[in-house]
Amino acid sequence: MAWGLLILAGILEIVWAYTMKLSKGFTLLVPSVLTIVLLIASFALLAQAMKTIPLGTAYVIWTGIGAIGAFALGIFVLGEPVSMLRIIAGILIVSGMLLMKLSS
């Protein structure tokens, strides 16, 4: 159950990062409000997951899901540049998340 909450928290992190981008520096009301609501929900789910998952593991997985998800969303939705170095960095993030999961 805790891992499901943690994954959902990470997915919400991706979505709030995207809505923050859409808010244009919190100058647009709807995306700004969505960002805040999603951020609070993501934190609440992370807090629930951390009741049973160790702090370091939970935080690394949560931020990793957000980082990789935002990276992919940037490329596929926002048309951000792709380079071999960025791909390698993404692979290293995923590798670190897998190692953290396996070690807990």
PDB file of N, CA and C in Angstrom:
ATOM      1  N   MET A   1       0.816  -1.197   0.000  1.00  0.00           N
ATOM      2  CA  MET A   1       0.000   0.000   0.000  1.00  0.00           C
ATOM      3  C   MET A   1       0.859   1.260   0.000  1.00  0.00           C
ATOM      4  N   ALA A   2       1.891   1.277   0.838  1.00  0.00           N
ATOM      5  CA  ALA A   2       2.758   2.450   0.947  1.00  0.00           C
ATOM      6  C   ALA A   2       3.464   2.736  -0.378  1.00  0.00           C
ATOM      7  N   TRP A   3       3.878   1.676  -1.073  1.00  0.00           N
ATOM      8  CA  TRP A   3       4.553   1.880  -2.360  1.00  0.00           C
ATOM      9  C   TRP A   3       3.597   2.453  -3.398  1.00  0.00           C
ATOM     10  N   GLY A   4       2.364   2.031  -3.368  1.00  0.00           N
ATOM     11  CA  GLY A   4       1.362   2.597  -4.276  1.00  0.00           C
ATOM     12  C   GLY A   4       1.146   4.079  -3.997  1.00  0.00           C
ATOM     13  N   LEU A   5       1.076   4.437  -2.720  1.00  0.00           N
ATOM     14  CA  LEU A   5       0.931   5.846  -2.351  1.00  0.00           C
ATOM     15  C   LEU A   5       2.136   6.658  -2.800  1.00  0.00           C
ATOM     16  N   LEU A   6       3.313   6.066  -2.645  1.00  0.00           N
ATOM     17  CA  LEU A   6       4.540   6.760  -3.037  1.00  0.00           C
ATOM     18  C   LEU A   6       4.579   6.986  -4.550  1.00  0.00           C
ATOM     19  N   ILE A   7       4.197   5.982  -5.310  1.00  0.00           N
ATOM     20  CA  ILE A   7       4.169   6.127  -6.771  1.00  0.00           C
ATOM     21  C   ILE A   7       3.151   7.189  -7.182  1.00  0.00           C
ATOM     22  N   LEU A   8       1.986   7.165  -6.561  1.00  0.00           N
ATOM     23  CA  LEU A   8       0.973   8.181  -6.858  1.00  0.00           C
ATOM     24  C   LEU A   8       1.476   9.578  -6.483  1.00  0.00           C
ATOM     25  N   ALA A   9       2.172   9.689  -5.369  1.00  0.00           N
ATOM     26  CA  ALA A   9       2.755  10.975  -4.961  1.00  0.00           C
ATOM     27  C   ALA A   9       3.746  11.468  -6.016  1.00  0.00           C
ATOM     28  N   GLY A  10       4.549  10.553  -6.552  1.00  0.00           N
ATOM     29  CA  GLY A  10       5.506  10.914  -7.603  1.00  0.00           C
ATOM     30  C   GLY A  10       4.818  11.362  -8.877  1.00  0.00           C
ATOM     31  N   ILE A  11       3.735  10.681  -9.237  1.00  0.00           N
ATOM     32  CA  ILE A  11       2.975  11.070 -10.429  1.00  0.00           C
ATOM     33  C   ILE A  11       2.373  12.466 -10.235  1.00  0.00           C
ATOM     34  N   LEU A  12       1.848  12.721  -9.045  1.00  0.00           N
ATOM     35  CA  LEU A  12       1.305  14.051  -8.766  1.00  0.00           C
ATOM     36  C   LEU A  12       2.400  15.113  -8.815  1.00  0.00           C
ATOM     37  N   GLU A  13       3.615  14.747  -8.452  1.00  0.00           N
ATOM     38  CA  GLU A  13       4.730  15.694  -8.548  1.00  0.00           C
ATOM     39  C   GLU A  13       4.968  16.092 -10.001  1.00  0.00           C
ATOM     40  N   ILE A  14       4.880  15.131 -10.897  1.00  0.00           N
ATOM     41  CA  ILE A  14       5.032  15.427 -12.327  1.00  0.00           C
ATOM     42  C   ILE A  14       3.944  16.403 -12.776  1.00  0.00           C
ATOM     43  N   VAL A  15       2.715  16.122 -12.360  1.00  0.00           N
ATOM     44  CA  VAL A  15       1.588  16.947 -12.797  1.00  0.00           C
ATOM     45  C   VAL A  15       1.685  18.353 -12.221  1.00  0.00           C
ATOM     46  N   TRP A  16       2.065  18.478 -10.940  1.00  0.00           N
ATOM     47  CA  TRP A  16       2.156  19.840 -10.385  1.00  0.00           C
ATOM     48  C   TRP A  16       3.318  20.605 -10.996  1.00  0.00           C
ATOM     49  N   ALA A  17       4.380  19.933 -11.350  1.00  0.00           N
ATOM     50  CA  ALA A  17       5.482  20.627 -12.030  1.00  0.00           C
ATOM     51  C   ALA A  17       5.010  21.170 -13.384  1.00  0.00           C
ATOM     52  N   TYR A  18       4.216  20.367 -14.088  1.00  0.00           N
ATOM     53  CA  TYR A  18       3.683  20.783 -15.384  1.00  0.00           C
ATOM     54  C   TYR A  18       2.708  21.955 -15.226  1.00  0.00           C
ATOM     55  N   THR A  19       1.808  21.867 -14.237  1.00  0.00           N
ATOM     56  CA  THR A  19       0.861  22.972 -14.053  1.00  0.00           C
ATOM     57  C   THR A  19       1.578  24.239 -13.585  1.00  0.00           C
ATOM     58  N   MET A  20       2.691  24.078 -12.861  1.00  0.00           N
ATOM     59  CA  MET A  20       3.469  25.253 -12.479  1.00  0.00           C
ATOM     60  C   MET A  20       4.064  25.915 -13.719  1.00  0.00           C
ATOM     61  N   LYS A  21       4.532  25.113 -14.654  1.00  0.00           N
ATOM     62  CA  LYS A  21       5.042  25.652 -15.921  1.00  0.00           C
ATOM     63  C   LYS A  21       3.920  26.401 -16.650  1.00  0.00           C
ATOM     64  N   LEU A  22       2.722  25.801 -16.661  1.00  0.00           N
ATOM     65  CA  LEU A  22       1.580  26.423 -17.333  1.00  0.00           C
ATOM     66  C   LEU A  22       1.121  27.705 -16.637  1.00  0.00           C
ATOM     67  N   SER A  23       1.428  27.849 -15.345  1.00  0.00           N
ATOM     68  CA  SER A  23       0.982  29.027 -14.592  1.00  0.00           C
ATOM     69  C   SER A  23       1.759  30.292 -14.965  1.00  0.00           C
ATOM     70  N   LYS A  24       2.852  30.117 -15.715  1.00  0.00           N
ATOM     71  CA  LYS A  24       3.691  31.249 -16.142  1.00  0.00           C
ATOM     72  C   LYS A  24       4.115  32.107 -14.953  1.00  0.00           C
ATOM     73  N   GLY A  25       4.775  31.438 -14.024  1.00  0.00           N
ATOM     74  CA  GLY A  25       5.270  32.146 -12.836  1.00  0.00           C
ATOM     75  C   GLY A  25       4.161  32.553 -11.886  1.00  0.00           C
ATOM     76  N   PHE A  26       3.134  31.725 -11.791  1.00  0.00           N
ATOM     77  CA  PHE A  26       1.974  31.962 -10.933  1.00  0.00           C
ATOM     78  C   PHE A  26       1.222  33.245 -11.313  1.00  0.00           C
ATOM     79  N   THR A  27       1.199  33.552 -12.611  1.00  0.00           N
ATOM     80  CA  THR A  27       0.443  34.712 -13.085  1.00  0.00           C
ATOM     81  C   THR A  27      -0.926  34.320 -13.629  1.00  0.00           C
ATOM     82  N   LEU A  28      -1.167  33.026 -13.833  1.00  0.00           N
ATOM     83  CA  LEU A  28      -2.469  32.545 -14.308  1.00  0.00           C
ATOM     84  C   LEU A  28      -3.155  31.796 -13.174  1.00  0.00           C
ATOM     85  N   LEU A  29      -4.396  32.153 -12.889  1.00  0.00           N
ATOM     86  CA  LEU A  29      -5.085  31.660 -11.695  1.00  0.00           C
ATOM     87  C   LEU A  29      -5.297  30.147 -11.688  1.00  0.00           C
ATOM     88  N   VAL A  30      -5.932  29.601 -12.720  1.00  0.00           N
ATOM     89  CA  VAL A  30      -6.299  28.175 -12.693  1.00  0.00           C
ATOM     90  C   VAL A  30      -5.070  27.271 -12.581  1.00  0.00           C
ATOM     91  N   PRO A  31      -4.055  27.435 -13.430  1.00  0.00           N
ATOM     92  CA  PRO A  31      -2.884  26.563 -13.251  1.00  0.00           C
ATOM     93  C   PRO A  31      -2.176  26.785 -11.909  1.00  0.00           C
ATOM     94  N   SER A  32      -2.216  27.993 -11.395  1.00  0.00           N
ATOM     95  CA  SER A  32      -1.580  28.274 -10.104  1.00  0.00           C
ATOM     96  C   SER A  32      -2.283  27.535  -8.977  1.00  0.00           C
ATOM     97  N   VAL A  33      -3.618  27.591  -8.977  1.00  0.00           N
ATOM     98  CA  VAL A  33      -4.392  26.892  -7.947  1.00  0.00           C
ATOM     99  C   VAL A  33      -4.195  25.383  -8.078  1.00  0.00           C
ATOM    100  N   LEU A  34      -4.229  24.869  -9.308  1.00  0.00           N
ATOM    101  CA  LEU A  34      -3.997  23.429  -9.519  1.00  0.00           C
ATOM    102  C   LEU A  34      -2.628  23.017  -8.995  1.00  0.00           C
ATOM    103  N   THR A  35      -1.628  23.835  -9.249  1.00  0.00           N
ATOM    104  CA  THR A  35      -0.273  23.529  -8.773  1.00  0.00           C
ATOM    105  C   THR A  35      -0.263  23.367  -7.258  1.00  0.00           C
ATOM    106  N   ILE A  36      -0.858  24.301  -6.560  1.00  0.00           N
ATOM    107  CA  ILE A  36      -0.856  24.267  -5.096  1.00  0.00           C
ATOM    108  C   ILE A  36      -1.630  23.061  -4.564  1.00  0.00           C
ATOM    109  N   VAL A  37      -2.794  22.790  -5.143  1.00  0.00           N
ATOM    110  CA  VAL A  37      -3.604  21.643  -4.702  1.00  0.00           C
ATOM    111  C   VAL A  37      -2.852  20.333  -4.948  1.00  0.00           C
ATOM    112  N   LEU A  38      -2.272  20.183  -6.143  1.00  0.00           N
ATOM    113  CA  LEU A  38      -1.543  18.956  -6.471  1.00  0.00           C
ATOM    114  C   LEU A  38      -0.287  18.809  -5.624  1.00  0.00           C
ATOM    115  N   LEU A  39       0.372  19.915  -5.328  1.00  0.00           N
ATOM    116  CA  LEU A  39       1.566  19.884  -4.489  1.00  0.00           C
ATOM    117  C   LEU A  39       1.213  19.397  -3.088  1.00  0.00           C
ATOM    118  N   ILE A  40       0.147  19.917  -2.533  1.00  0.00           N
ATOM    119  CA  ILE A  40      -0.287  19.493  -1.192  1.00  0.00           C
ATOM    120  C   ILE A  40      -0.662  18.010  -1.196  1.00  0.00           C
ATOM    121  N   ALA A  41      -1.389  17.581  -2.232  1.00  0.00           N
ATOM    122  CA  ALA A  41      -1.775  16.165  -2.327  1.00  0.00           C
ATOM    123  C   ALA A  41      -0.545  15.275  -2.445  1.00  0.00           C
ATOM    124  N   SER A  42       0.421  15.693  -3.248  1.00  0.00           N
ATOM    125  CA  SER A  42       1.649  14.919  -3.411  1.00  0.00           C
ATOM    126  C   SER A  42       2.401  14.794  -2.094  1.00  0.00           C
ATOM    127  N   PHE A  43       2.519  15.912  -1.363  1.00  0.00           N
ATOM    128  CA  PHE A  43       3.190  15.892  -0.056  1.00  0.00           C
ATOM    129  C   PHE A  43       2.446  15.009   0.934  1.00  0.00           C
ATOM    130  N   ALA A  44       1.112  15.077   0.921  1.00  0.00           N
ATOM    131  CA  ALA A  44       0.322  14.270   1.854  1.00  0.00           C
ATOM    132  C   ALA A  44       0.521  12.780   1.586  1.00  0.00           C
ATOM    133  N   LEU A  45       0.527  12.398   0.309  1.00  0.00           N
ATOM    134  CA  LEU A  45       0.755  10.986  -0.031  1.00  0.00           C
ATOM    135  C   LEU A  45       2.171  10.555   0.330  1.00  0.00           C
ATOM    136  N   LEU A  46       3.139  11.428   0.097  1.00  0.00           N
ATOM    137  CA  LEU A  46       4.513  11.128   0.484  1.00  0.00           C
ATOM    138  C   LEU A  46       4.601  10.914   1.999  1.00  0.00           C
ATOM    139  N   ALA A  47       3.952  11.768   2.753  1.00  0.00           N
ATOM    140  CA  ALA A  47       3.967  11.647   4.214  1.00  0.00           C
ATOM    141  C   ALA A  47       3.356  10.318   4.669  1.00  0.00           C
ATOM    142  N   GLN A  48       2.271   9.909   4.043  1.00  0.00           N
ATOM    143  CA  GLN A  48       1.645   8.625   4.380  1.00  0.00           C
ATOM    144  C   GLN A  48       2.589   7.463   4.060  1.00  0.00           C
ATOM    145  N   ALA A  49       3.213   7.531   2.882  1.00  0.00           N
ATOM    146  CA  ALA A  49       4.135   6.459   2.476  1.00  0.00           C
ATOM    147  C   ALA A  49       5.321   6.363   3.434  1.00  0.00           C
ATOM    148  N   MET A  50       5.765   7.514   3.942  1.00  0.00           N
ATOM    149  CA  MET A  50       6.930   7.538   4.822  1.00  0.00           C
ATOM    150  C   MET A  50       6.645   6.979   6.211  1.00  0.00           C
ATOM    151  N   LYS A  51       5.401   6.638   6.485  1.00  0.00           N
ATOM    152  CA  LYS A  51       5.107   5.979   7.758  1.00  0.00           C
ATOM    153  C   LYS A  51       5.736   4.588   7.800  1.00  0.00           C
ATOM    154  N   THR A  52       5.908   3.965   6.632  1.00  0.00           N
ATOM    155  CA  THR A  52       6.485   2.613   6.601  1.00  0.00           C
ATOM    156  C   THR A  52       7.738   2.502   5.737  1.00  0.00           C
ATOM    157  N   ILE A  53       7.908   3.397   4.775  1.00  0.00           N
ATOM    158  CA  ILE A  53       9.088   3.355   3.907  1.00  0.00           C
ATOM    159  C   ILE A  53      10.138   4.284   4.503  1.00  0.00           C
ATOM    160  N   PRO A  54      11.402   3.857   4.580  1.00  0.00           N
ATOM    161  CA  PRO A  54      12.444   4.714   5.138  1.00  0.00           C
ATOM    162  C   PRO A  54      12.526   6.066   4.420  1.00  0.00           C
ATOM    163  N   LEU A  55      12.859   7.099   5.160  1.00  0.00           N
ATOM    164  CA  LEU A  55      12.943   8.460   4.654  1.00  0.00           C
ATOM    165  C   LEU A  55      13.772   8.554   3.376  1.00  0.00           C
ATOM    166  N   GLY A  56      15.007   8.080   3.427  1.00  0.00           N
ATOM    167  CA  GLY A  56      15.903   8.200   2.275  1.00  0.00           C
ATOM    168  C   GLY A  56      15.344   7.520   1.045  1.00  0.00           C
ATOM    169  N   THR A  57      14.819   6.332   1.215  1.00  0.00           N
ATOM    170  CA  THR A  57      14.247   5.581   0.093  1.00  0.00           C
ATOM    171  C   THR A  57      13.032   6.301  -0.469  1.00  0.00           C
ATOM    172  N   ALA A  58      12.119   6.686   0.400  1.00  0.00           N
ATOM    173  CA  ALA A  58      10.883   7.342  -0.051  1.00  0.00           C
ATOM    174  C   ALA A  58      11.193   8.638  -0.790  1.00  0.00           C
ATOM    175  N   TYR A  59      12.086   9.430  -0.238  1.00  0.00           N
ATOM    176  CA  TYR A  59      12.385  10.720  -0.848  1.00  0.00           C
ATOM    177  C   TYR A  59      13.075  10.561  -2.198  1.00  0.00           C
ATOM    178  N   VAL A  60      14.014   9.637  -2.284  1.00  0.00           N
ATOM    179  CA  VAL A  60      14.709   9.406  -3.555  1.00  0.00           C
ATOM    180  C   VAL A  60      13.735   8.911  -4.620  1.00  0.00           C
ATOM    181  N   ILE A  61      12.862   7.987  -4.266  1.00  0.00           N
ATOM    182  CA  ILE A  61      11.889   7.469  -5.233  1.00  0.00           C
ATOM    183  C   ILE A  61      10.927   8.575  -5.667  1.00  0.00           C
ATOM    184  N   TRP A  62      10.428   9.334  -4.712  1.00  0.00           N
ATOM    185  CA  TRP A  62       9.477  10.421  -5.007  1.00  0.00           C
ATOM    186  C   TRP A  62      10.091  11.465  -5.937  1.00  0.00           C
ATOM    187  N   THR A  63      11.281  11.935  -5.581  1.00  0.00           N
ATOM    188  CA  THR A  63      11.919  12.949  -6.429  1.00  0.00           C
ATOM    189  C   THR A  63      12.361  12.355  -7.757  1.00  0.00           C
ATOM    190  N   GLY A  64      12.755  11.090  -7.755  1.00  0.00           N
ATOM    191  CA  GLY A  64      13.160  10.440  -8.999  1.00  0.00           C
ATOM    192  C   GLY A  64      12.008  10.305  -9.979  1.00  0.00           C
ATOM    193  N   ILE A  65      10.847   9.883  -9.471  1.00  0.00           N
ATOM    194  CA  ILE A  65       9.669   9.781 -10.330  1.00  0.00           C
ATOM    195  C   ILE A  65       9.349  11.164 -10.901  1.00  0.00           C
ATOM    196  N   GLY A  66       9.383  12.173 -10.047  1.00  0.00           N
ATOM    197  CA  GLY A  66       9.102  13.532 -10.506  1.00  0.00           C
ATOM    198  C   GLY A  66      10.116  14.016 -11.522  1.00  0.00           C
ATOM    199  N   ALA A  67      11.391  13.741 -11.273  1.00  0.00           N
ATOM    200  CA  ALA A  67      12.444  14.203 -12.177  1.00  0.00           C
ATOM    201  C   ALA A  67      12.350  13.528 -13.542  1.00  0.00           C
ATOM    202  N   ILE A  68      12.227  12.216 -13.547  1.00  0.00           N
ATOM    203  CA  ILE A  68      12.146  11.487 -14.814  1.00  0.00           C
ATOM    204  C   ILE A  68      10.844  11.810 -15.543  1.00  0.00           C
ATOM    205  N   GLY A  69       9.755  11.902 -14.788  1.00  0.00           N
ATOM    206  CA  GLY A  69       8.472  12.231 -15.413  1.00  0.00           C
ATOM    207  C   GLY A  69       8.481  13.623 -16.018  1.00  0.00           C
ATOM    208  N   ALA A  70       9.023  14.595 -15.283  1.00  0.00           N
ATOM    209  CA  ALA A  70       9.099  15.962 -15.802  1.00  0.00           C
ATOM    210  C   ALA A  70      10.040  16.031 -16.999  1.00  0.00           C
ATOM    211  N   PHE A  71      11.114  15.284 -16.949  1.00  0.00           N
ATOM    212  CA  PHE A  71      12.066  15.209 -18.070  1.00  0.00           C
ATOM    213  C   PHE A  71      11.362  14.677 -19.318  1.00  0.00           C
ATOM    214  N   ALA A  72      10.640  13.570 -19.171  1.00  0.00           N
ATOM    215  CA  ALA A  72       9.923  12.977 -20.311  1.00  0.00           C
ATOM    216  C   ALA A  72       8.810  13.899 -20.805  1.00  0.00           C
ATOM    217  N   LEU A  73       8.059  14.486 -19.883  1.00  0.00           N
ATOM    218  CA  LEU A  73       6.990  15.399 -20.265  1.00  0.00           C
ATOM    219  C   LEU A  73       7.555  16.598 -21.022  1.00  0.00           C
ATOM    220  N   GLY A  74       8.671  17.102 -20.563  1.00  0.00           N
ATOM    221  CA  GLY A  74       9.322  18.218 -21.246  1.00  0.00           C
ATOM    222  C   GLY A  74       9.683  17.879 -22.678  1.00  0.00           C
ATOM    223  N   ILE A  75      10.187  16.675 -22.874  1.00  0.00           N
ATOM    224  CA  ILE A  75      10.582  16.254 -24.220  1.00  0.00           C
ATOM    225  C   ILE A  75       9.361  16.003 -25.099  1.00  0.00           C
ATOM    226  N   PHE A  76       8.423  15.191 -24.602  1.00  0.00           N
ATOM    227  CA  PHE A  76       7.320  14.731 -25.446  1.00  0.00           C
ATOM    228  C   PHE A  76       6.154  15.709 -25.552  1.00  0.00           C
ATOM    229  N   VAL A  77       5.954  16.540 -24.545  1.00  0.00           N
ATOM    230  CA  VAL A  77       4.818  17.469 -24.575  1.00  0.00           C
ATOM    231  C   VAL A  77       5.272  18.893 -24.894  1.00  0.00           C
ATOM    232  N   LEU A  78       6.371  19.310 -24.298  1.00  0.00           N
ATOM    233  CA  LEU A  78       6.811  20.694 -24.456  1.00  0.00           C
ATOM    234  C   LEU A  78       7.881  20.876 -25.536  1.00  0.00           C
ATOM    235  N   GLY A  79       8.329  19.776 -26.127  1.00  0.00           N
ATOM    236  CA  GLY A  79       9.313  19.869 -27.201  1.00  0.00           C
ATOM    237  C   GLY A  79      10.692  20.322 -26.755  1.00  0.00           C
ATOM    238  N   GLU A  80      11.065  20.010 -25.519  1.00  0.00           N
ATOM    239  CA  GLU A  80      12.390  20.381 -25.025  1.00  0.00           C
ATOM    240  C   GLU A  80      13.458  19.538 -25.704  1.00  0.00           C
ATOM    241  N   PRO A  81      14.692  20.040 -25.751  1.00  0.00           N
ATOM    242  CA  PRO A  81      15.747  19.338 -26.492  1.00  0.00           C
ATOM    243  C   PRO A  81      16.136  17.995 -25.871  1.00  0.00           C
ATOM    244  N   VAL A  82      16.548  17.087 -26.741  1.00  0.00           N
ATOM    245  CA  VAL A  82      17.034  15.770 -26.330  1.00  0.00           C
ATOM    246  C   VAL A  82      18.503  15.695 -26.739  1.00  0.00           C
ATOM    247  N   SER A  83      19.325  15.244 -25.811  1.00  0.00           N
ATOM    248  CA  SER A  83      20.737  15.021 -26.124  1.00  0.00           C
ATOM    249  C   SER A  83      21.170  13.723 -25.451  1.00  0.00           C
ATOM    250  N   MET A  84      22.238  13.180 -25.921  1.00  0.00           N
ATOM    251  CA  MET A  84      22.750  11.938 -25.346  1.00  0.00           C
ATOM    252  C   MET A  84      23.093  12.131 -23.867  1.00  0.00           C
ATOM    253  N   LEU A  85      23.652  13.275 -23.529  1.00  0.00           N
ATOM    254  CA  LEU A  85      24.016  13.532 -22.135  1.00  0.00           C
ATOM    255  C   LEU A  85      22.770  13.579 -21.240  1.00  0.00           C
ATOM    256  N   ARG A  86      21.686  14.186 -21.719  1.00  0.00           N
ATOM    257  CA  ARG A  86      20.440  14.225 -20.939  1.00  0.00           C
ATOM    258  C   ARG A  86      19.863  12.819 -20.792  1.00  0.00           C
ATOM    259  N   ILE A  87      19.935  12.018 -21.834  1.00  0.00           N
ATOM    260  CA  ILE A  87      19.436  10.634 -21.773  1.00  0.00           C
ATOM    261  C   ILE A  87      20.244   9.834 -20.747  1.00  0.00           C
ATOM    262  N   ILE A  88      21.560   9.980 -20.779  1.00  0.00           N
ATOM    263  CA  ILE A  88      22.418   9.276 -19.821  1.00  0.00           C
ATOM    264  C   ILE A  88      22.082   9.713 -18.393  1.00  0.00           C
ATOM    265  N   ALA A  89      21.864  11.009 -18.197  1.00  0.00           N
ATOM    266  CA  ALA A  89      21.494  11.505 -16.865  1.00  0.00           C
ATOM    267  C   ALA A  89      20.189  10.865 -16.400  1.00  0.00           C
ATOM    268  N   GLY A  90      19.214  10.760 -17.291  1.00  0.00           N
ATOM    269  CA  GLY A  90      17.945  10.113 -16.951  1.00  0.00           C
ATOM    270  C   GLY A  90      18.133   8.652 -16.582  1.00  0.00           C
ATOM    271  N   ILE A  91      18.963   7.964 -17.332  1.00  0.00           N
ATOM    272  CA  ILE A  91      19.250   6.553 -17.037  1.00  0.00           C
ATOM    273  C   ILE A  91      19.905   6.417 -15.661  1.00  0.00           C
ATOM    274  N   LEU A  92      20.797   7.325 -15.334  1.00  0.00           N
ATOM    275  CA  LEU A  92      21.441   7.279 -14.023  1.00  0.00           C
ATOM    276  C   LEU A  92      20.444   7.528 -12.895  1.00  0.00           C
ATOM    277  N   ILE A  93      19.486   8.431 -13.117  1.00  0.00           N
ATOM    278  CA  ILE A  93      18.461   8.679 -12.097  1.00  0.00           C
ATOM    279  C   ILE A  93      17.627   7.424 -11.873  1.00  0.00           C
ATOM    280  N   VAL A  94      17.184   6.797 -12.961  1.00  0.00           N
ATOM    281  CA  VAL A  94      16.381   5.572 -12.844  1.00  0.00           C
ATOM    282  C   VAL A  94      17.198   4.468 -12.175  1.00  0.00           C
ATOM    283  N   SER A  95      18.473   4.350 -12.533  1.00  0.00           N
ATOM    284  CA  SER A  95      19.340   3.345 -11.918  1.00  0.00           C
ATOM    285  C   SER A  95      19.458   3.567 -10.415  1.00  0.00           C
ATOM    286  N   GLY A  96      19.614   4.801 -10.011  1.00  0.00           N
ATOM    287  CA  GLY A  96      19.703   5.125  -8.584  1.00  0.00           C
ATOM    288  C   GLY A  96      18.418   4.785  -7.852  1.00  0.00           C
ATOM    289  N   MET A  97      17.275   5.066  -8.495  1.00  0.00           N
ATOM    290  CA  MET A  97      15.995   4.728  -7.876  1.00  0.00           C
ATOM    291  C   MET A  97      15.851   3.215  -7.700  1.00  0.00           C
ATOM    292  N   LEU A  98      16.222   2.458  -8.727  1.00  0.00           N
ATOM    293  CA  LEU A  98      16.126   0.997  -8.641  1.00  0.00           C
ATOM    294  C   LEU A  98      17.038   0.440  -7.544  1.00  0.00           C
ATOM    295  N   LEU A  99      18.258   0.969  -7.478  1.00  0.00           N
ATOM    296  CA  LEU A  99      19.173   0.511  -6.434  1.00  0.00           C
ATOM    297  C   LEU A  99      18.656   0.847  -5.038  1.00  0.00           C
ATOM    298  N   MET A 100      18.064   2.030  -4.895  1.00  0.00           N
ATOM    299  CA  MET A 100      17.508   2.419  -3.595  1.00  0.00           C
ATOM    300  C   MET A 100      16.356   1.496  -3.217  1.00  0.00           C
ATOM    301  N   LYS A 101      15.502   1.179  -4.172  1.00  0.00           N
ATOM    302  CA  LYS A 101      14.360   0.270  -3.917  1.00  0.00           C
ATOM    303  C   LYS A 101      14.871  -1.113  -3.525  1.00  0.00           C
ATOM    304  N   LEU A 102      15.851  -1.608  -4.270  1.00  0.00           N
ATOM    305  CA  LEU A 102      16.380  -2.942  -3.982  1.00  0.00           C
ATOM    306  C   LEU A 102      17.078  -3.005  -2.626  1.00  0.00           C
ATOM    307  N   SER A 103      17.623  -1.889  -2.179  1.00  0.00           N
ATOM    308  CA  SER A 103      18.365  -1.894  -0.911  1.00  0.00           C
ATOM    309  C   SER A 103      17.454  -1.741   0.309  1.00  0.00           C
ATOM    310  N   SER A 104      16.184  -1.430   0.092  1.00  0.00           N
ATOM    311  CA  SER A 104      15.314  -1.204   1.261  1.00  0.00           C
ATOM    312  C   SER A 104      14.532  -2.439   1.634  1.00  0.00           C
TER     313      SER A 104
END
